[in-house]
Amino acid sequence: MRIIADTNVLLRVFMNDDPAQGQIARASFVNAGAVVIGRHALCELAWVLRDIYKFPKGRIAGLIRELRDKENVVTDRAAVEAGLEAMDAGADFADGVIAYEGRWLGGETFVSFDKKAVAALEKQRHPATWLGT
């Protein structure tokens, strides 16, 4: 079976904050022929780990890399790499994914009120404009 993992399932795999659900989530991953993880689920995962669990960016990036590298995981690898590169440059995972997807859809310049996101994307040589005053 090819399963599509919701963010709450991804969290149970890593956090084990509910041992019964954690066991079910891990078994689902092991028994699935493929675990499909969408960009939105990964963005939510990064946000929850940062804002709720207070994980540092390095640990979040490590967990996302761990997911990406599982043999049976299917995801948009280019978008994941863009998110990880944005994190490495100082932005949030979602900023990199949003900018990547926007470029893929034909956009030219990432715009945001988030000064750190703009600076990180500029550091990566991606056109970005801060809209703040």
Protein backbone atom coordinates (compact mmCIF):
# COMPACT_ATOMS: atom_id res chain seq x y z
CA MET A 1 0.00 0.00 0.00
CA ARG A 2 1.14 3.57 -0.74
CA ILE A 3 0.15 5.78 2.19
CA ILE A 4 -0.05 9.57 2.33
CA ALA A 5 1.22 10.75 5.69
CA ASP A 6 -0.51 13.62 7.48
CA THR A 7 1.60 15.92 9.64
CA ASN A 8 0.24 14.38 12.85
CA VAL A 9 1.50 10.97 11.71
CA LEU A 10 4.96 12.42 10.99
CA LEU A 11 5.01 13.97 14.44
CA ARG A 12 4.07 10.67 16.11
CA VAL A 13 6.93 8.94 14.26
CA PHE A 14 9.48 11.32 15.77
CA MET A 15 8.01 12.63 19.00
CA ASN A 16 6.43 9.56 20.60
CA ASP A 17 4.39 11.97 22.74
CA ASP A 18 1.55 9.48 22.46
CA PRO A 19 3.25 6.06 22.67
CA ALA A 20 0.28 4.10 21.27
CA GLN A 21 -0.06 6.42 18.26
CA GLY A 22 3.71 6.52 17.85
CA GLN A 23 3.84 2.74 17.57
CA ILE A 24 1.01 2.74 15.01
CA ALA A 25 2.67 5.54 12.99
CA ARG A 26 6.05 3.79 12.91
CA ALA A 27 4.41 0.49 11.94
CA SER A 28 2.54 2.27 9.13
CA PHE A 29 5.85 3.57 7.79
CA VAL A 30 7.58 0.20 8.00
CA ASN A 31 4.69 -1.72 6.42
CA ALA A 32 3.95 0.73 3.60
CA GLY A 33 5.27 0.09 0.14
CA ALA A 34 5.64 3.85 -0.12
CA VAL A 35 5.10 6.75 2.24
CA VAL A 36 4.10 9.82 0.26
CA ILE A 37 4.86 13.07 2.08
CA GLY A 38 3.62 16.31 0.53
CA ARG A 39 5.35 19.69 0.77
CA HIS A 40 2.61 21.09 2.98
CA ALA A 41 2.97 18.29 5.51
CA LEU A 42 6.71 18.95 5.73
CA CYS A 43 6.16 22.70 6.13
CA GLU A 44 3.66 22.03 8.92
CA LEU A 45 6.07 19.56 10.52
CA ALA A 46 8.88 22.12 10.52
CA TRP A 47 6.57 24.79 11.97
CA VAL A 48 5.25 22.55 14.77
CA LEU A 49 8.73 21.35 15.68
CA ARG A 50 9.97 24.96 15.81
CA ASP A 51 7.03 26.71 17.48
CA ILE A 52 5.51 24.01 19.67
CA TYR A 53 8.44 21.74 20.51
CA LYS A 54 11.06 24.55 20.34
CA PHE A 55 13.50 22.49 18.28
CA PRO A 56 16.47 24.37 16.84
CA LYS A 57 16.68 24.61 13.05
CA GLY A 58 19.55 22.13 12.87
CA ARG A 59 17.53 19.42 14.57
CA ILE A 60 14.49 20.13 12.38
CA ALA A 61 16.65 19.92 9.26
CA GLY A 62 18.10 16.64 10.51
CA LEU A 63 14.66 15.11 11.01
CA ILE A 64 13.51 16.26 7.55
CA ARG A 65 16.67 14.79 6.04
CA GLU A 66 16.01 11.54 7.93
CA LEU A 67 12.53 11.38 6.39
CA ARG A 68 13.79 12.30 2.92
CA ASP A 69 16.41 9.55 3.07
CA LYS A 70 14.09 6.70 4.06
CA GLU A 71 14.01 4.13 1.29
CA ASN A 72 10.22 4.06 0.96
CA VAL A 73 9.55 7.82 1.24
CA VAL A 74 8.29 9.65 -1.83
CA THR A 75 8.38 13.46 -1.76
CA ASP A 76 9.19 16.45 -3.95
CA ARG A 77 12.94 16.21 -3.41
CA ALA A 78 13.72 19.49 -5.16
CA ALA A 79 11.27 21.37 -2.91
CA VAL A 80 12.68 19.63 0.17
CA GLU A 81 16.21 20.61 -0.85
CA ALA A 82 15.07 24.21 -1.38
CA GLY A 83 13.55 24.24 2.10
CA LEU A 84 16.67 22.77 3.67
CA GLU A 85 18.93 25.22 1.82
CA ALA A 86 16.76 28.11 3.03
CA MET A 87 17.09 26.82 6.60
CA ASP A 88 20.85 26.58 6.20
CA ALA A 89 20.84 30.22 5.03
CA GLY A 90 18.78 31.40 8.03
CA ALA A 91 15.17 31.26 6.81
CA ASP A 92 12.41 28.84 7.72
CA PHE A 93 11.88 25.60 5.80
CA ALA A 94 8.55 26.85 4.45
CA ASP A 95 10.14 30.03 3.04
CA GLY A 96 12.44 27.96 0.86
CA VAL A 97 9.61 25.70 -0.28
CA ILE A 98 7.34 28.66 -1.06
CA ALA A 99 10.07 30.42 -3.05
CA TYR A 100 10.95 27.23 -4.92
CA GLU A 101 7.35 26.49 -5.84
CA GLY A 102 6.78 30.11 -6.85
CA ARG A 103 9.78 30.02 -9.21
CA TRP A 104 8.59 26.67 -10.59
CA LEU A 105 5.20 28.25 -11.32
CA GLY A 106 6.83 31.15 -13.18
CA GLY A 107 7.28 33.73 -10.45
CA GLU A 108 10.38 35.89 -10.53
CA THR A 109 10.81 37.56 -7.14
CA PHE A 110 9.92 36.31 -3.66
CA VAL A 111 8.28 39.11 -1.64
CA SER A 112 7.74 39.08 2.10
CA PHE A 113 7.44 41.12 5.27
CA ASP A 114 9.88 38.63 6.83
CA LYS A 115 13.28 40.32 6.68
CA LYS A 116 15.17 37.13 7.60
CA ALA A 117 13.49 35.14 4.83
CA VAL A 118 14.34 37.78 2.23
CA ALA A 119 17.96 38.01 3.41
CA ALA A 120 18.33 34.22 3.36
CA LEU A 121 16.96 33.92 -0.16
CA GLU A 122 19.16 36.78 -1.35
CA LYS A 123 22.12 34.98 0.22
CA GLN A 124 21.23 32.04 -2.01
CA ARG A 125 21.15 34.42 -5.01
CA HIS A 126 17.38 34.18 -5.44
CA PRO A 127 15.55 37.45 -6.21
CA ALA A 128 13.73 38.58 -3.08
CA THR A 129 12.23 41.85 -1.89
CA TRP A 130 11.36 42.93 1.64
CA LEU A 131 8.04 44.78 1.71
CA GLY A 132 8.49 46.32 5.15
CA THR A 133 8.78 49.98 5.94
